[in-house]
All heavy atoms as atom14 arrays in JSON, in Angstrom:
{
  "sequence": "EDVVKQSADEVLRALVRQGNRPVPLGELFDASGSAAQDATIVWQGD",
  "atom14_mask": [
    [1, 1, 1, 1, 1, 1, 1, 1, 1, 0, 0, 0, 0, 0],
    [1, 1, 1, 1, 1, 1, 1, 1, 0, 0, 0, 0, 0, 0],
    [1, 1, 1, 1, 1, 1, 1, 0, 0, 0, 0, 0, 0, 0],
    [1, 1, 1, 1, 1, 1, 1, 0, 0, 0, 0, 0, 0, 0],
    [1, 1, 1, 1, 1, 1, 1, 1, 1, 0, 0, 0, 0, 0],
    [1, 1, 1, 1, 1, 1, 1, 1, 1, 0, 0, 0, 0, 0],
    [1, 1, 1, 1, 1, 1, 0, 0, 0, 0, 0, 0, 0, 0],
    [1, 1, 1, 1, 1, 0, 0, 0, 0, 0, 0, 0, 0, 0],
    [1, 1, 1, 1, 1, 1, 1, 1, 0, 0, 0, 0, 0, 0],
    [1, 1, 1, 1, 1, 1, 1, 1, 1, 0, 0, 0, 0, 0],
    [1, 1, 1, 1, 1, 1, 1, 0, 0, 0, 0, 0, 0, 0],
    [1, 1, 1, 1, 1, 1, 1, 1, 0, 0, 0, 0, 0, 0],
    [1, 1, 1, 1, 1, 1, 1, 1, 1, 1, 1, 0, 0, 0],
    [1, 1, 1, 1, 1, 0, 0, 0, 0, 0, 0, 0, 0, 0],
    [1, 1, 1, 1, 1, 1, 1, 1, 0, 0, 0, 0, 0, 0],
    [1, 1, 1, 1, 1, 1, 1, 0, 0, 0, 0, 0, 0, 0],
    [1, 1, 1, 1, 1, 1, 1, 1, 1, 1, 1, 0, 0, 0],
    [1, 1, 1, 1, 1, 1, 1, 1, 1, 0, 0, 0, 0, 0],
    [1, 1, 1, 1, 0, 0, 0, 0, 0, 0, 0, 0, 0, 0],
    [1, 1, 1, 1, 1, 1, 1, 1, 0, 0, 0, 0, 0, 0],
    [1, 1, 1, 1, 1, 1, 1, 1, 1, 1, 1, 0, 0, 0],
    [1, 1, 1, 1, 1, 1, 1, 0, 0, 0, 0, 0, 0, 0],
    [1, 1, 1, 1, 1, 1, 1, 0, 0, 0, 0, 0, 0, 0],
    [1, 1, 1, 1, 1, 1, 1, 0, 0, 0, 0, 0, 0, 0],
    [1, 1, 1, 1, 1, 1, 1, 1, 0, 0, 0, 0, 0, 0],
    [1, 1, 1, 1, 0, 0, 0, 0, 0, 0, 0, 0, 0, 0],
    [1, 1, 1, 1, 1, 1, 1, 1, 1, 0, 0, 0, 0, 0],
    [1, 1, 1, 1, 1, 1, 1, 1, 0, 0, 0, 0, 0, 0],
    [1, 1, 1, 1, 1, 1, 1, 1, 1, 1, 1, 0, 0, 0],
    [1, 1, 1, 1, 1, 1, 1, 1, 0, 0, 0, 0, 0, 0],
    [1, 1, 1, 1, 1, 0, 0, 0, 0, 0, 0, 0, 0, 0],
    [1, 1, 1, 1, 1, 1, 0, 0, 0, 0, 0, 0, 0, 0],
    [1, 1, 1, 1, 0, 0, 0, 0, 0, 0, 0, 0, 0, 0],
    [1, 1, 1, 1, 1, 1, 0, 0, 0, 0, 0, 0, 0, 0],
    [1, 1, 1, 1, 1, 0, 0, 0, 0, 0, 0, 0, 0, 0],
    [1, 1, 1, 1, 1, 0, 0, 0, 0, 0, 0, 0, 0, 0],
    [1, 1, 1, 1, 1, 1, 1, 1, 1, 0, 0, 0, 0, 0],
    [1, 1, 1, 1, 1, 1, 1, 1, 0, 0, 0, 0, 0, 0],
    [1, 1, 1, 1, 1, 0, 0, 0, 0, 0, 0, 0, 0, 0],
    [1, 1, 1, 1, 1, 1, 1, 0, 0, 0, 0, 0, 0, 0],
    [1, 1, 1, 1, 1, 1, 1, 1, 0, 0, 0, 0, 0, 0],
    [1, 1, 1, 1, 1, 1, 1, 0, 0, 0, 0, 0, 0, 0],
    [1, 1, 1, 1, 1, 1, 1, 1, 1, 1, 1, 1, 1, 1],
    [1, 1, 1, 1, 1, 1, 1, 1, 1, 0, 0, 0, 0, 0],
    [1, 1, 1, 1, 0, 0, 0, 0, 0, 0, 0, 0, 0, 0],
    [1, 1, 1, 1, 1, 1, 1, 1, 0, 0, 0, 0, 0, 0]
  ],
  "atom14_positions": [
    [[86.68, 109.33, 121.06], [85.55, 108.52, 120.99], [85.23, 107.86, 122.29], [84.1, 107.42, 122.54], [85.65, 107.44, 119.85], [86.88, 106.55, 120.0], [88.1, 107.05, 119.17], [88.17, 108.21, 118.79], [89.05, 106.22, 119.0], [0.0, 0.0, 0.0], [0.0, 0.0, 0.0], [0.0, 0.0, 0.0], [0.0, 0.0, 0.0], [0.0, 0.0, 0.0]],
    [[86.21, 107.74, 123.2], [85.99, 107.21, 124.55], [85.55, 108.27, 125.53], [84.57, 108.13, 126.24], [87.24, 106.51, 125.05], [87.65, 105.32, 124.25], [86.79, 104.65, 123.69], [88.89, 105.08, 124.07], [0.0, 0.0, 0.0], [0.0, 0.0, 0.0], [0.0, 0.0, 0.0], [0.0, 0.0, 0.0], [0.0, 0.0, 0.0], [0.0, 0.0, 0.0]],
    [[86.31, 109.43, 125.56], [86.04, 110.4, 126.6], [84.72, 111.1, 126.43], [84.2, 111.68, 127.39], [87.19, 111.45, 126.71], [88.5, 110.7, 127.07], [87.33, 112.27, 125.52], [0.0, 0.0, 0.0], [0.0, 0.0, 0.0], [0.0, 0.0, 0.0], [0.0, 0.0, 0.0], [0.0, 0.0, 0.0], [0.0, 0.0, 0.0], [0.0, 0.0, 0.0]],
    [[84.1, 111.15, 125.23], [82.79, 111.84, 125.13], [81.72, 111.02, 125.83], [80.64, 111.54, 126.1], [82.41, 111.98, 123.62], [83.33, 113.03, 122.94], [82.34, 110.7, 122.86], [0.0, 0.0, 0.0], [0.0, 0.0, 0.0], [0.0, 0.0, 0.0], [0.0, 0.0, 0.0], [0.0, 0.0, 0.0], [0.0, 0.0, 0.0], [0.0, 0.0, 0.0]],
    [[81.98, 109.77, 126.14], [81.03, 108.87, 126.85], [81.36, 108.75, 128.33], [80.68, 108.04, 129.08], [81.11, 107.51, 126.27], [80.77, 107.52, 124.76], [80.99, 106.06, 124.25], [81.1, 106.08, 122.73], [81.65, 104.83, 122.22], [0.0, 0.0, 0.0], [0.0, 0.0, 0.0], [0.0, 0.0, 0.0], [0.0, 0.0, 0.0], [0.0, 0.0, 0.0]],
    [[82.43, 109.42, 128.81], [82.93, 109.2, 130.18], [82.84, 110.46, 131.02], [82.96, 111.56, 130.49], [84.37, 108.74, 130.16], [84.6, 107.42, 129.47], [86.07, 107.02, 129.28], [86.9, 107.88, 129.11], [86.34, 105.74, 129.43], [0.0, 0.0, 0.0], [0.0, 0.0, 0.0], [0.0, 0.0, 0.0], [0.0, 0.0, 0.0], [0.0, 0.0, 0.0]],
    [[82.72, 110.27, 132.31], [82.85, 111.37, 133.25], [84.34, 111.68, 133.45], [85.17, 110.86, 133.06], [82.23, 111.0, 134.6], [83.02, 109.98, 135.22], [0.0, 0.0, 0.0], [0.0, 0.0, 0.0], [0.0, 0.0, 0.0], [0.0, 0.0, 0.0], [0.0, 0.0, 0.0], [0.0, 0.0, 0.0], [0.0, 0.0, 0.0], [0.0, 0.0, 0.0]],
    [[84.66, 112.81, 134.1], [86.02, 113.12, 134.38], [86.68, 112.02, 135.24], [87.84, 111.69, 135.03], [86.15, 114.54, 135.04], [0.0, 0.0, 0.0], [0.0, 0.0, 0.0], [0.0, 0.0, 0.0], [0.0, 0.0, 0.0], [0.0, 0.0, 0.0], [0.0, 0.0, 0.0], [0.0, 0.0, 0.0], [0.0, 0.0, 0.0], [0.0, 0.0, 0.0]],
    [[85.95, 111.54, 136.2], [86.47, 110.46, 137.08], [86.82, 109.19, 136.27], [87.86, 108.55, 136.51], [85.54, 110.09, 138.19], [85.44, 111.2, 139.2], [86.39, 111.99, 139.36], [84.42, 111.28, 139.91], [0.0, 0.0, 0.0], [0.0, 0.0, 0.0], [0.0, 0.0, 0.0], [0.0, 0.0, 0.0], [0.0, 0.0, 0.0], [0.0, 0.0, 0.0]],
    [[86.0, 108.89, 135.31], [86.32, 107.71, 134.49], [87.49, 107.95, 133.63], [88.34, 107.01, 133.43], [85.07, 107.37, 133.58], [83.89, 106.85, 134.38], [82.6, 106.73, 133.54], [82.37, 107.66, 132.74], [81.92, 105.71, 133.65], [0.0, 0.0, 0.0], [0.0, 0.0, 0.0], [0.0, 0.0, 0.0], [0.0, 0.0, 0.0], [0.0, 0.0, 0.0]],
    [[87.6, 109.12, 133.12], [88.83, 109.43, 132.25], [90.08, 109.27, 133.1], [91.12, 108.75, 132.63], [88.7, 110.83, 131.67], [90.0, 111.24, 130.99], [87.57, 110.91, 130.68], [0.0, 0.0, 0.0], [0.0, 0.0, 0.0], [0.0, 0.0, 0.0], [0.0, 0.0, 0.0], [0.0, 0.0, 0.0], [0.0, 0.0, 0.0], [0.0, 0.0, 0.0]],
    [[90.05, 109.75, 134.34], [91.2, 109.71, 135.26], [91.68, 108.22, 135.52], [92.8, 107.99, 135.89], [90.95, 110.43, 136.57], [90.89, 111.92, 136.39], [90.47, 112.56, 137.74], [92.24, 112.51, 135.96], [0.0, 0.0, 0.0], [0.0, 0.0, 0.0], [0.0, 0.0, 0.0], [0.0, 0.0, 0.0], [0.0, 0.0, 0.0], [0.0, 0.0, 0.0]],
    [[90.72, 107.29, 135.34], [91.13, 105.85, 135.6], [91.73, 105.21, 134.39], [92.3, 104.14, 134.49], [89.85, 105.05, 135.97], [89.4, 105.36, 137.41], [88.39, 104.44, 137.92], [87.07, 104.42, 137.21], [86.07, 105.25, 137.6], [86.16, 106.0, 138.71], [84.94, 105.28, 136.91], [0.0, 0.0, 0.0], [0.0, 0.0, 0.0], [0.0, 0.0, 0.0]],
    [[91.72, 105.89, 133.2], [92.33, 105.34, 132.0], [93.85, 105.16, 132.19], [94.51, 106.08, 132.82], [92.03, 106.24, 130.8], [0.0, 0.0, 0.0], [0.0, 0.0, 0.0], [0.0, 0.0, 0.0], [0.0, 0.0, 0.0], [0.0, 0.0, 0.0], [0.0, 0.0, 0.0], [0.0, 0.0, 0.0], [0.0, 0.0, 0.0], [0.0, 0.0, 0.0]],
    [[94.43, 104.17, 131.62], [95.84, 103.89, 131.74], [96.56, 104.67, 130.65], [96.19, 104.63, 129.49], [96.15, 102.42, 131.63], [95.67, 101.6, 132.83], [96.01, 100.11, 132.56], [96.24, 102.07, 134.14], [0.0, 0.0, 0.0], [0.0, 0.0, 0.0], [0.0, 0.0, 0.0], [0.0, 0.0, 0.0], [0.0, 0.0, 0.0], [0.0, 0.0, 0.0]],
    [[97.64, 105.35, 131.0], [98.61, 105.96, 130.2], [100.0, 105.36, 130.51], [100.13, 104.55, 131.47], [98.61, 107.51, 130.31], [97.31, 108.08, 129.94], [98.98, 107.92, 131.71], [0.0, 0.0, 0.0], [0.0, 0.0, 0.0], [0.0, 0.0, 0.0], [0.0, 0.0, 0.0], [0.0, 0.0, 0.0], [0.0, 0.0, 0.0], [0.0, 0.0, 0.0]],
    [[101.03, 105.74, 129.78], [102.34, 105.23, 130.12], [103.24, 106.36, 130.52], [103.33, 107.38, 129.9], [102.97, 104.52, 128.86], [102.15, 103.32, 128.47], [102.92, 102.45, 127.53], [104.09, 101.79, 128.11], [104.08, 100.75, 128.89], [102.98, 100.2, 129.32], [105.19, 100.23, 129.33], [0.0, 0.0, 0.0], [0.0, 0.0, 0.0], [0.0, 0.0, 0.0]],
    [[103.9, 106.16, 131.64], [104.91, 107.04, 132.13], [106.2, 106.31, 132.12], [106.44, 105.4, 132.83], [104.63, 107.65, 133.55], [105.67, 108.62, 133.99], [105.44, 109.16, 135.37], [104.9, 108.52, 136.23], [105.89, 110.4, 135.58], [0.0, 0.0, 0.0], [0.0, 0.0, 0.0], [0.0, 0.0, 0.0], [0.0, 0.0, 0.0], [0.0, 0.0, 0.0]],
    [[107.02, 106.66, 131.12], [108.23, 105.85, 130.91], [107.81, 104.48, 130.39], [107.01, 104.39, 129.47], [0.0, 0.0, 0.0], [0.0, 0.0, 0.0], [0.0, 0.0, 0.0], [0.0, 0.0, 0.0], [0.0, 0.0, 0.0], [0.0, 0.0, 0.0], [0.0, 0.0, 0.0], [0.0, 0.0, 0.0], [0.0, 0.0, 0.0], [0.0, 0.0, 0.0]],
    [[108.21, 103.47, 131.09], [107.85, 102.08, 130.64], [106.77, 101.44, 131.49], [106.55, 100.26, 131.42], [109.11, 101.19, 130.57], [109.77, 101.04, 131.94], [109.33, 101.6, 132.94], [110.82, 100.26, 131.98], [0.0, 0.0, 0.0], [0.0, 0.0, 0.0], [0.0, 0.0, 0.0], [0.0, 0.0, 0.0], [0.0, 0.0, 0.0], [0.0, 0.0, 0.0]],
    [[106.16, 102.22, 132.34], [105.12, 101.62, 133.18], [103.7, 102.27, 132.93], [103.61, 103.48, 132.81], [105.53, 101.75, 134.64], [105.49, 103.18, 135.23], [105.94, 103.2, 136.68], [105.78, 104.55, 137.19], [104.82, 104.96, 137.97], [103.95, 104.09, 138.45], [104.75, 106.19, 138.39], [0.0, 0.0, 0.0], [0.0, 0.0, 0.0], [0.0, 0.0, 0.0]],
    [[102.65, 101.43, 132.97], [101.33, 102.0, 132.87], [100.88, 102.54, 134.17], [101.13, 101.88, 135.27], [100.49, 100.72, 132.52], [101.31, 99.56, 132.95], [102.72, 99.95, 132.97], [0.0, 0.0, 0.0], [0.0, 0.0, 0.0], [0.0, 0.0, 0.0], [0.0, 0.0, 0.0], [0.0, 0.0, 0.0], [0.0, 0.0, 0.0], [0.0, 0.0, 0.0]],
    [[100.23, 103.69, 134.2], [99.71, 104.38, 135.36], [98.34, 104.95, 134.97], [98.14, 105.36, 133.87], [100.62, 105.46, 135.92], [101.99, 104.9, 136.31], [100.84, 106.56, 134.87], [0.0, 0.0, 0.0], [0.0, 0.0, 0.0], [0.0, 0.0, 0.0], [0.0, 0.0, 0.0], [0.0, 0.0, 0.0], [0.0, 0.0, 0.0], [0.0, 0.0, 0.0]],
    [[97.53, 105.05, 135.99], [96.21, 105.72, 135.72], [96.47, 107.28, 135.45], [97.37, 107.81, 136.09], [95.44, 105.55, 137.02], [96.1, 104.45, 137.79], [97.49, 104.49, 137.32], [0.0, 0.0, 0.0], [0.0, 0.0, 0.0], [0.0, 0.0, 0.0], [0.0, 0.0, 0.0], [0.0, 0.0, 0.0], [0.0, 0.0, 0.0], [0.0, 0.0, 0.0]],
    [[95.74, 107.8, 134.52], [95.93, 109.21, 134.2], [95.84, 110.05, 135.46], [96.56, 111.02, 135.62], [94.88, 109.65, 133.2], [94.88, 111.05, 132.67], [96.1, 111.23, 131.78], [93.6, 111.45, 132.01], [0.0, 0.0, 0.0], [0.0, 0.0, 0.0], [0.0, 0.0, 0.0], [0.0, 0.0, 0.0], [0.0, 0.0, 0.0], [0.0, 0.0, 0.0]],
    [[94.98, 109.67, 136.43], [94.77, 110.41, 137.65], [95.95, 110.51, 138.56], [95.99, 111.34, 139.5], [0.0, 0.0, 0.0], [0.0, 0.0, 0.0], [0.0, 0.0, 0.0], [0.0, 0.0, 0.0], [0.0, 0.0, 0.0], [0.0, 0.0, 0.0], [0.0, 0.0, 0.0], [0.0, 0.0, 0.0], [0.0, 0.0, 0.0], [0.0, 0.0, 0.0]],
    [[96.99, 109.67, 138.34], [98.23, 109.83, 139.14], [99.0, 111.02, 138.75], [99.77, 111.57, 139.57], [99.14, 108.58, 138.97], [98.84, 107.47, 139.87], [99.93, 106.39, 139.81], [101.09, 106.69, 139.55], [99.56, 105.24, 140.06], [0.0, 0.0, 0.0], [0.0, 0.0, 0.0], [0.0, 0.0, 0.0], [0.0, 0.0, 0.0], [0.0, 0.0, 0.0]],
    [[98.81, 111.57, 137.54], [99.58, 112.61, 137.02], [98.8, 113.88, 136.67], [99.36, 114.98, 136.63], [100.31, 112.16, 135.74], [101.09, 110.81, 135.83], [101.43, 110.26, 134.45], [102.35, 111.08, 136.73], [0.0, 0.0, 0.0], [0.0, 0.0, 0.0], [0.0, 0.0, 0.0], [0.0, 0.0, 0.0], [0.0, 0.0, 0.0], [0.0, 0.0, 0.0]],
    [[97.54, 113.68, 136.47], [96.64, 114.83, 136.02], [95.39, 114.94, 136.85], [94.95, 113.95, 137.46], [96.22, 114.56, 134.54], [97.28, 114.52, 133.5], [98.08, 113.4, 133.35], [97.6, 115.66, 132.8], [99.09, 113.4, 132.33], [98.61, 115.62, 131.79], [99.3, 114.48, 131.61], [0.0, 0.0, 0.0], [0.0, 0.0, 0.0], [0.0, 0.0, 0.0]],
    [[94.83, 116.17, 136.85], [93.48, 116.41, 137.37], [92.57, 116.5, 136.16], [93.06, 116.89, 135.03], [93.42, 117.67, 138.2], [94.19, 117.59, 139.48], [94.19, 116.5, 140.14], [94.86, 118.59, 139.91], [0.0, 0.0, 0.0], [0.0, 0.0, 0.0], [0.0, 0.0, 0.0], [0.0, 0.0, 0.0], [0.0, 0.0, 0.0], [0.0, 0.0, 0.0]],
    [[91.3, 116.26, 136.29], [90.38, 116.44, 135.22], [89.06, 117.01, 135.77], [88.69, 116.72, 136.89], [90.1, 115.12, 134.45], [0.0, 0.0, 0.0], [0.0, 0.0, 0.0], [0.0, 0.0, 0.0], [0.0, 0.0, 0.0], [0.0, 0.0, 0.0], [0.0, 0.0, 0.0], [0.0, 0.0, 0.0], [0.0, 0.0, 0.0], [0.0, 0.0, 0.0]],
    [[88.43, 117.79, 134.95], [87.15, 118.36, 135.24], [86.32, 118.59, 133.95], [86.89, 118.64, 132.89], [87.26, 119.67, 136.03], [87.91, 120.64, 135.23], [0.0, 0.0, 0.0], [0.0, 0.0, 0.0], [0.0, 0.0, 0.0], [0.0, 0.0, 0.0], [0.0, 0.0, 0.0], [0.0, 0.0, 0.0], [0.0, 0.0, 0.0], [0.0, 0.0, 0.0]],
    [[85.04, 118.71, 134.12], [84.19, 118.97, 132.92], [83.89, 117.67, 132.23], [84.05, 116.59, 132.69], [0.0, 0.0, 0.0], [0.0, 0.0, 0.0], [0.0, 0.0, 0.0], [0.0, 0.0, 0.0], [0.0, 0.0, 0.0], [0.0, 0.0, 0.0], [0.0, 0.0, 0.0], [0.0, 0.0, 0.0], [0.0, 0.0, 0.0], [0.0, 0.0, 0.0]],
    [[83.45, 117.86, 130.95], [83.05, 116.71, 130.13], [83.15, 117.09, 128.66], [82.85, 118.21, 128.32], [81.64, 116.29, 130.46], [81.16, 115.35, 129.53], [0.0, 0.0, 0.0], [0.0, 0.0, 0.0], [0.0, 0.0, 0.0], [0.0, 0.0, 0.0], [0.0, 0.0, 0.0], [0.0, 0.0, 0.0], [0.0, 0.0, 0.0], [0.0, 0.0, 0.0]],
    [[83.55, 116.15, 127.83], [83.61, 116.4, 126.41], [82.34, 115.97, 125.73], [82.21, 116.06, 124.54], [84.8, 115.6, 125.79], [0.0, 0.0, 0.0], [0.0, 0.0, 0.0], [0.0, 0.0, 0.0], [0.0, 0.0, 0.0], [0.0, 0.0, 0.0], [0.0, 0.0, 0.0], [0.0, 0.0, 0.0], [0.0, 0.0, 0.0], [0.0, 0.0, 0.0]],
    [[81.33, 115.58, 126.5], [80.07, 115.01, 125.95], [79.36, 115.99, 125.01], [78.83, 115.65, 123.96], [79.15, 114.51, 127.05], [0.0, 0.0, 0.0], [0.0, 0.0, 0.0], [0.0, 0.0, 0.0], [0.0, 0.0, 0.0], [0.0, 0.0, 0.0], [0.0, 0.0, 0.0], [0.0, 0.0, 0.0], [0.0, 0.0, 0.0], [0.0, 0.0, 0.0]],
    [[79.27, 117.28, 125.42], [78.5, 118.26, 124.67], [79.28, 118.84, 123.47], [78.68, 119.04, 122.44], [77.95, 119.39, 125.57], [76.93, 118.88, 126.53], [76.33, 120.08, 127.39], [77.04, 121.05, 127.49], [75.23, 119.86, 127.94], [0.0, 0.0, 0.0], [0.0, 0.0, 0.0], [0.0, 0.0, 0.0], [0.0, 0.0, 0.0], [0.0, 0.0, 0.0]],
    [[80.52, 119.18, 123.65], [81.23, 119.9, 122.6], [82.42, 119.17, 121.98], [83.12, 119.65, 121.17], [81.69, 121.25, 123.08], [82.6, 121.19, 124.26], [83.06, 120.1, 124.67], [83.01, 122.26, 124.77], [0.0, 0.0, 0.0], [0.0, 0.0, 0.0], [0.0, 0.0, 0.0], [0.0, 0.0, 0.0], [0.0, 0.0, 0.0], [0.0, 0.0, 0.0]],
    [[82.66, 117.88, 122.44], [83.75, 117.09, 121.9], [85.05, 117.83, 121.92], [85.81, 117.8, 120.93], [83.4, 116.56, 120.55], [0.0, 0.0, 0.0], [0.0, 0.0, 0.0], [0.0, 0.0, 0.0], [0.0, 0.0, 0.0], [0.0, 0.0, 0.0], [0.0, 0.0, 0.0], [0.0, 0.0, 0.0], [0.0, 0.0, 0.0], [0.0, 0.0, 0.0]],
    [[85.38, 118.45, 123.06], [86.67, 119.23, 123.18], [87.36, 118.78, 124.41], [86.76, 118.6, 125.49], [86.31, 120.72, 123.32], [85.65, 121.16, 122.16], [87.55, 121.54, 123.45], [0.0, 0.0, 0.0], [0.0, 0.0, 0.0], [0.0, 0.0, 0.0], [0.0, 0.0, 0.0], [0.0, 0.0, 0.0], [0.0, 0.0, 0.0], [0.0, 0.0, 0.0]],
    [[88.65, 118.57, 124.29], [89.57, 118.27, 125.33], [90.59, 119.37, 125.4], [91.2, 119.69, 124.42], [90.29, 116.91, 125.14], [89.32, 115.78, 124.99], [91.24, 116.62, 126.35], [89.98, 114.4, 124.61], [0.0, 0.0, 0.0], [0.0, 0.0, 0.0], [0.0, 0.0, 0.0], [0.0, 0.0, 0.0], [0.0, 0.0, 0.0], [0.0, 0.0, 0.0]],
    [[90.73, 119.95, 126.65], [91.72, 120.99, 126.84], [92.84, 120.37, 127.75], [92.51, 119.93, 128.86], [91.09, 122.24, 127.53], [92.18, 123.27, 127.79], [90.0, 122.83, 126.66], [0.0, 0.0, 0.0], [0.0, 0.0, 0.0], [0.0, 0.0, 0.0], [0.0, 0.0, 0.0], [0.0, 0.0, 0.0], [0.0, 0.0, 0.0], [0.0, 0.0, 0.0]],
    [[94.06, 120.39, 127.26], [95.21, 119.98, 128.06], [95.87, 121.19, 128.57], [96.23, 122.12, 127.81], [96.16, 119.17, 127.16], [95.67, 117.87, 126.68], [94.89, 117.64, 125.59], [95.84, 116.64, 127.31], [94.53, 116.28, 125.51], [95.16, 115.64, 126.55], [96.51, 116.19, 128.47], [95.11, 114.29, 126.86], [96.48, 114.86, 128.78], [95.79, 113.9, 128.02]],
    [[96.08, 121.32, 129.92], [96.7, 122.47, 130.55], [97.94, 122.11, 131.21], [98.13, 120.99, 131.78], [95.74, 123.07, 131.53], [94.49, 123.69, 130.92], [93.63, 124.37, 132.01], [93.68, 124.01, 133.19], [92.76, 125.21, 131.57], [0.0, 0.0, 0.0], [0.0, 0.0, 0.0], [0.0, 0.0, 0.0], [0.0, 0.0, 0.0], [0.0, 0.0, 0.0]],
    [[98.92, 123.08, 131.22], [100.12, 122.93, 131.99], [101.3, 122.72, 130.98], [101.16, 122.75, 129.81], [0.0, 0.0, 0.0], [0.0, 0.0, 0.0], [0.0, 0.0, 0.0], [0.0, 0.0, 0.0], [0.0, 0.0, 0.0], [0.0, 0.0, 0.0], [0.0, 0.0, 0.0], [0.0, 0.0, 0.0], [0.0, 0.0, 0.0], [0.0, 0.0, 0.0]],
    [[102.43, 122.46, 131.58], [103.64, 122.2, 130.8], [103.64, 120.76, 130.29], [104.13, 119.85, 131.01], [104.92, 122.49, 131.61], [106.18, 122.28, 130.78], [106.07, 121.9, 129.58], [107.28, 122.35, 131.39], [0.0, 0.0, 0.0], [0.0, 0.0, 0.0], [0.0, 0.0, 0.0], [0.0, 0.0, 0.0], [0.0, 0.0, 0.0], [0.0, 0.0, 0.0]]
  ]
}
């Protein structure tokens, strides 16, 4: 419900947790495209 309204750059600024510390998603992941049209998120990698 959040990412369908956001650009890839905005998504990368969202906070996630790595262990016990909050970090921006962009520290760990790259993002491209948008979920706005098809409401689909593809997670790639291990």
